Amino acid sequence: MDVLGGKVALVTGASRGVGAAIARILADEGAAVVVNYLKSERRAEEVAGGIRERGGRAVAHRADVTDESAVSGMVEAAAEQFGPVDILVNNALPDYRFDPAGRKDFGGVRWEDYLQQLGALRGALYCCQAVVPGMVDSGGGRIISILSNLINNPVVAYHDYTTAKSAFLGFSRNLAAELGPHNITVNMIAGGLIDETDASAPTTEEVRQLVASSTPLRRLGTPEDLGRAVLMFASPWSDFVTGQYITCDGGLVMS
């Protein structure tokens, strides 16, 4: 039996990379999936189409998660087609490239850079506010946010990105405390350097080798690694786990 049979999942930023892998893995376990995207319509349709070809249920939906009305419209459309959202995965990321050579150092970073990256938290706020009423009415739900192990191990100092990801800790734990009585769990997953994504493409081979050789499992992460970690929190296996932040980085960060 599919562990997520009958559930509805909304994955933000799911047209490619980590988000696409999460969408596929949740769908393979029986969830109907809303594949959210902003710019990459073709890729999002390919993800949703691939899920349907394997017998699953999925739809691509364009929405800027930093636009509150667009998020409300997306959640309403999901409810009309599949039912209320049971699982929300906050994965959408403002444009960012992990370029250790071209990044802004502390002297060059500006407040506007921080605000741009904090757009991910703004999107998570709007998405959570849109889905929580339905979760309360349904008797429970799952909220899972994607962080980064850089908040504990800034092997490269990406100031704006790492600060924005750190903000998810306080946001998520406050949410977990408030929503726990409604049987809604709120957890976080922090990946390390993820191979095979557009964002990590500029990462130099030197940094890739350094991270891989420093990792106990001696490799970089894949989108599927994070997708399986999301499945753990989305499933009944984690019914009694909330407010937690775990790393999925092959053991690079142990804390």
Protein backbone atom coordinates (compact mmCIF):
# COMPACT_ATOMS: atom_id res chain seq x y z
CA MET A 1 0.00 0.00 0.00
CA ASP A 2 1.27 3.50 -0.87
CA VAL A 3 2.19 5.31 2.33
CA LEU A 4 0.75 8.59 1.02
CA GLY A 5 -2.34 7.21 -0.66
CA GLY A 6 -5.19 9.72 -0.59
CA LYS A 7 -2.93 12.63 0.38
CA VAL A 8 -2.47 15.87 -1.53
CA ALA A 9 0.98 17.48 -1.67
CA LEU A 10 2.01 20.95 -2.79
CA VAL A 11 5.70 21.27 -3.64
CA THR A 12 6.90 24.79 -4.37
CA GLY A 13 9.68 25.34 -6.87
CA ALA A 14 9.13 21.85 -8.26
CA SER A 15 9.91 22.26 -11.95
CA ARG A 16 13.49 21.04 -11.62
CA GLY A 17 16.26 19.85 -9.32
CA VAL A 18 15.37 19.10 -5.71
CA GLY A 19 11.73 20.19 -6.05
CA ALA A 20 11.13 17.93 -9.04
CA ALA A 21 12.67 14.95 -7.24
CA ILE A 22 10.49 15.61 -4.18
CA ALA A 23 7.36 15.79 -6.35
CA ARG A 24 8.17 12.50 -8.08
CA ILE A 25 8.98 10.64 -4.86
CA LEU A 26 5.81 11.81 -3.09
CA ALA A 27 3.74 10.89 -6.15
CA ASP A 28 5.34 7.45 -6.34
CA GLU A 29 4.06 6.86 -2.80
CA GLY A 30 0.51 7.73 -3.75
CA ALA A 31 0.16 11.48 -3.19
CA ALA A 32 -1.56 13.73 -5.69
CA VAL A 33 0.99 16.47 -6.35
CA VAL A 34 0.75 20.13 -7.29
CA VAL A 35 3.98 20.99 -9.12
CA ASN A 36 4.44 24.68 -8.45
CA TYR A 37 6.65 26.77 -10.74
CA LEU A 38 7.29 30.39 -11.62
CA LYS A 39 9.24 30.52 -14.90
CA SER A 40 9.94 26.99 -16.13
CA GLU A 41 6.54 25.97 -17.53
CA ARG A 42 7.94 23.34 -19.89
CA ARG A 43 9.93 21.64 -17.17
CA ALA A 44 7.02 21.74 -14.71
CA GLU A 45 4.69 20.20 -17.28
CA GLU A 46 7.28 17.49 -17.92
CA VAL A 47 7.46 16.68 -14.20
CA ALA A 48 3.67 16.54 -13.87
CA GLY A 49 3.31 14.62 -17.14
CA GLY A 50 5.91 12.08 -16.09
CA ILE A 51 4.02 11.45 -12.86
CA ARG A 52 0.77 10.93 -14.76
CA GLU A 53 2.49 8.54 -17.18
CA ARG A 54 3.48 6.37 -14.22
CA GLY A 55 -0.13 6.25 -13.08
CA GLY A 56 0.02 9.07 -10.56
CA ARG A 57 -1.94 12.28 -10.20
CA ALA A 58 -0.23 15.62 -10.75
CA VAL A 59 -0.81 19.08 -12.14
CA ALA A 60 1.61 21.93 -12.86
CA HIS A 61 0.53 25.30 -11.48
CA ARG A 62 2.25 28.63 -12.03
CA ALA A 63 2.31 30.92 -9.01
CA ASP A 64 4.78 33.40 -7.56
CA VAL A 65 4.89 32.26 -3.93
CA THR A 66 5.78 35.79 -2.84
CA ASP A 67 2.39 36.94 -4.20
CA GLU A 68 -0.24 36.21 -1.56
CA SER A 69 -3.18 36.24 -3.94
CA ALA A 70 -1.41 33.93 -6.38
CA VAL A 71 -0.73 31.46 -3.57
CA SER A 72 -4.35 31.57 -2.43
CA GLY A 73 -5.47 30.88 -5.99
CA MET A 74 -3.10 27.94 -6.31
CA VAL A 75 -4.28 26.34 -3.06
CA GLU A 76 -7.92 26.85 -4.03
CA ALA A 77 -7.29 25.25 -7.44
CA ALA A 78 -5.56 22.31 -5.77
CA ALA A 79 -8.52 21.81 -3.45
CA GLU A 80 -10.95 21.87 -6.38
CA GLN A 81 -8.99 19.27 -8.33
CA PHE A 82 -7.61 16.97 -5.63
CA GLY A 83 -8.88 18.12 -2.23
CA PRO A 84 -7.29 20.14 0.58
CA VAL A 85 -3.50 20.15 0.77
CA ASP A 86 -2.22 17.65 3.36
CA ILE A 87 1.51 18.08 2.72
CA LEU A 88 3.28 21.37 2.01
CA VAL A 89 6.93 21.38 0.99
CA ASN A 90 8.51 24.85 1.06
CA ASN A 91 11.27 24.44 -1.48
CA ALA A 92 11.00 27.52 -3.74
CA LEU A 93 14.24 29.48 -3.87
CA PRO A 94 14.84 32.97 -5.25
CA ASP A 95 17.40 33.01 -8.04
CA TYR A 96 20.74 31.94 -6.61
CA ARG A 97 23.91 30.31 -7.86
CA PHE A 98 26.49 28.68 -5.64
CA ASP A 99 29.54 30.29 -7.15
CA PRO A 100 32.43 30.39 -4.64
CA ALA A 101 34.51 32.52 -6.98
CA GLY A 102 31.86 35.03 -8.04
CA ARG A 103 29.90 35.37 -4.80
CA LYS A 104 29.66 38.67 -2.93
CA ASP A 105 31.87 38.84 0.13
CA PHE A 106 30.77 40.67 3.27
CA GLY A 107 32.09 43.98 1.99
CA GLY A 108 30.03 43.69 -1.18
CA VAL A 109 26.75 42.27 0.06
CA ARG A 110 23.87 44.72 0.37
CA TRP A 111 20.66 44.75 2.41
CA GLU A 112 18.73 44.30 -0.83
CA ASP A 113 20.52 40.96 -1.32
CA TYR A 114 19.24 39.76 2.05
CA LEU A 115 15.72 40.91 1.25
CA GLN A 116 15.80 39.08 -2.06
CA GLN A 117 16.73 35.81 -0.38
CA LEU A 118 14.21 36.37 2.42
CA GLY A 119 11.62 36.11 -0.34
CA ALA A 120 11.75 32.36 0.27
CA LEU A 121 10.54 32.90 3.82
CA ARG A 122 7.85 35.28 2.61
CA GLY A 123 6.70 32.58 0.22
CA ALA A 124 6.65 29.99 2.99
CA LEU A 125 4.55 32.32 5.14
CA TYR A 126 1.94 32.80 2.42
CA CYS A 127 1.87 29.09 1.56
CA CYS A 128 1.50 28.05 5.20
CA GLN A 129 -1.25 30.58 5.82
CA ALA A 130 -3.09 29.32 2.74
CA VAL A 131 -2.96 25.59 3.57
CA VAL A 132 -3.25 25.54 7.37
CA PRO A 133 -7.03 26.13 7.54
CA GLY A 134 -7.62 23.10 5.35
CA MET A 135 -5.23 21.02 7.42
CA VAL A 136 -7.02 22.02 10.62
CA ASP A 137 -10.38 21.08 9.12
CA SER A 138 -8.96 17.73 7.93
CA GLY A 139 -7.51 16.89 11.32
CA GLY A 140 -3.81 17.22 10.54
CA GLY A 141 -1.08 17.86 8.03
CA ARG A 142 2.61 18.08 7.27
CA ILE A 143 4.74 21.17 6.60
CA ILE A 144 8.32 20.57 5.52
CA SER A 145 10.86 23.27 4.63
CA ILE A 146 14.15 22.84 2.80
CA LEU A 147 17.12 24.52 4.48
CA SER A 148 20.88 24.21 3.99
CA ASN A 149 23.67 22.74 6.08
CA LEU A 150 25.54 25.99 5.44
CA ILE A 151 23.71 27.47 8.42
CA ASN A 152 25.85 25.22 10.63
CA ASN A 153 28.88 24.75 8.41
CA PRO A 154 29.49 27.80 6.17
CA VAL A 155 32.32 26.17 4.22
CA VAL A 156 31.71 29.02 1.75
CA ALA A 157 30.22 32.21 3.20
CA TYR A 158 27.09 32.88 1.16
CA HIS A 159 25.93 35.65 3.50
CA ASP A 160 22.47 36.49 2.16
CA TYR A 161 21.44 32.92 1.31
CA THR A 162 22.59 31.39 4.58
CA THR A 163 21.00 34.11 6.70
CA ALA A 164 17.66 33.64 4.95
CA LYS A 165 17.79 29.88 5.43
CA SER A 166 18.62 30.37 9.12
CA ALA A 167 15.42 32.38 9.52
CA PHE A 168 13.42 29.24 8.68
CA LEU A 169 14.48 27.71 12.00
CA GLY A 170 12.64 30.23 14.14
CA PHE A 171 9.73 30.42 11.72
CA SER A 172 9.25 26.65 11.65
CA ARG A 173 9.64 26.04 15.37
CA ASN A 174 7.14 28.74 16.27
CA LEU A 175 4.77 27.21 13.75
CA ALA A 176 5.32 23.72 15.17
CA ALA A 177 4.49 24.94 18.68
CA GLU A 178 1.29 26.63 17.57
CA LEU A 179 0.02 23.96 15.18
CA GLY A 180 0.88 20.89 17.22
CA PRO A 181 -2.53 20.77 18.94
CA HIS A 182 -4.08 20.48 15.46
CA ASN A 183 -1.95 17.42 14.61
CA ILE A 184 0.09 19.43 12.10
CA THR A 185 3.81 18.70 12.17
CA VAL A 186 6.42 21.20 10.99
CA ASN A 187 9.93 20.01 10.22
CA MET A 188 13.02 21.05 8.28
CA ILE A 189 15.59 19.29 6.12
CA ALA A 190 19.00 20.78 5.41
CA GLY A 191 20.90 19.46 2.44
CA GLY A 192 24.55 19.83 1.70
CA LEU A 193 26.01 20.56 -1.71
CA ILE A 194 23.54 18.94 -4.11
CA ASP A 195 24.87 17.72 -7.42
CA GLU A 196 22.92 17.85 -10.67
CA THR A 197 21.14 21.17 -10.05
CA ASP A 198 21.29 24.47 -11.93
CA ALA A 199 22.14 26.35 -8.74
CA SER A 200 25.18 24.18 -8.01
CA ALA A 201 26.48 24.21 -11.60
CA PRO A 202 28.94 27.10 -11.00
CA THR A 203 30.50 25.36 -7.98
CA THR A 204 34.14 24.72 -8.79
CA GLU A 205 35.49 21.21 -9.07
CA GLU A 206 37.90 22.03 -6.25
CA VAL A 207 35.04 22.79 -3.87
CA ARG A 208 33.10 19.72 -5.04
CA GLN A 209 36.04 17.46 -4.30
CA LEU A 210 36.69 19.15 -0.95
CA VAL A 211 33.10 18.66 0.18
CA ALA A 212 32.90 15.07 -1.09
CA SER A 213 36.20 14.06 0.51
CA SER A 214 35.14 15.64 3.84
CA THR A 215 31.82 13.80 3.85
CA PRO A 216 31.75 10.41 5.65
CA LEU A 217 29.81 8.85 2.76
CA ARG A 218 32.38 10.31 0.35
CA ARG A 219 29.97 11.78 -2.19
CA LEU A 220 27.81 14.80 -2.85
CA GLY A 221 24.06 14.71 -2.30
CA THR A 222 21.49 14.21 -5.03
CA PRO A 223 17.99 15.65 -5.38
CA GLU A 224 16.64 12.17 -4.68
CA ASP A 225 18.47 12.05 -1.35
CA LEU A 226 16.51 15.10 -0.17
CA GLY A 227 13.32 13.74 -1.70
CA ARG A 228 13.52 10.59 0.39
CA ALA A 229 14.15 12.64 3.53
CA VAL A 230 11.04 14.68 2.75
CA LEU A 231 9.09 11.43 2.34
CA MET A 232 10.14 10.41 5.84
CA PHE A 233 8.64 13.58 7.35
CA ALA A 234 5.58 13.45 5.07
CA SER A 235 4.71 9.88 5.99
CA PRO A 236 3.06 8.33 9.07
CA TRP A 237 6.53 7.17 10.15
CA SER A 238 7.10 10.67 11.59
CA ASP A 239 3.73 11.16 13.28
CA PHE A 240 5.37 12.09 16.60
CA VAL A 241 8.16 14.27 15.21
CA THR A 242 7.78 18.05 14.93
CA GLY A 243 9.90 21.18 15.20
CA GLN A 244 12.96 19.23 14.09
CA TYR A 245 15.81 20.22 11.82
CA ILE A 246 17.90 17.40 10.38
CA THR A 247 20.76 17.42 7.95
CA CYS A 248 20.77 15.22 4.87
CA ASP A 249 24.36 15.66 3.78
CA GLY A 250 26.08 12.30 4.13
CA GLY A 251 27.28 13.09 7.65
CA LEU A 252 29.27 16.23 6.82
CA VAL A 253 27.55 18.14 9.62
CA MET A 254 27.00 16.18 12.82
CA SER A 255 25.16 18.32 15.36
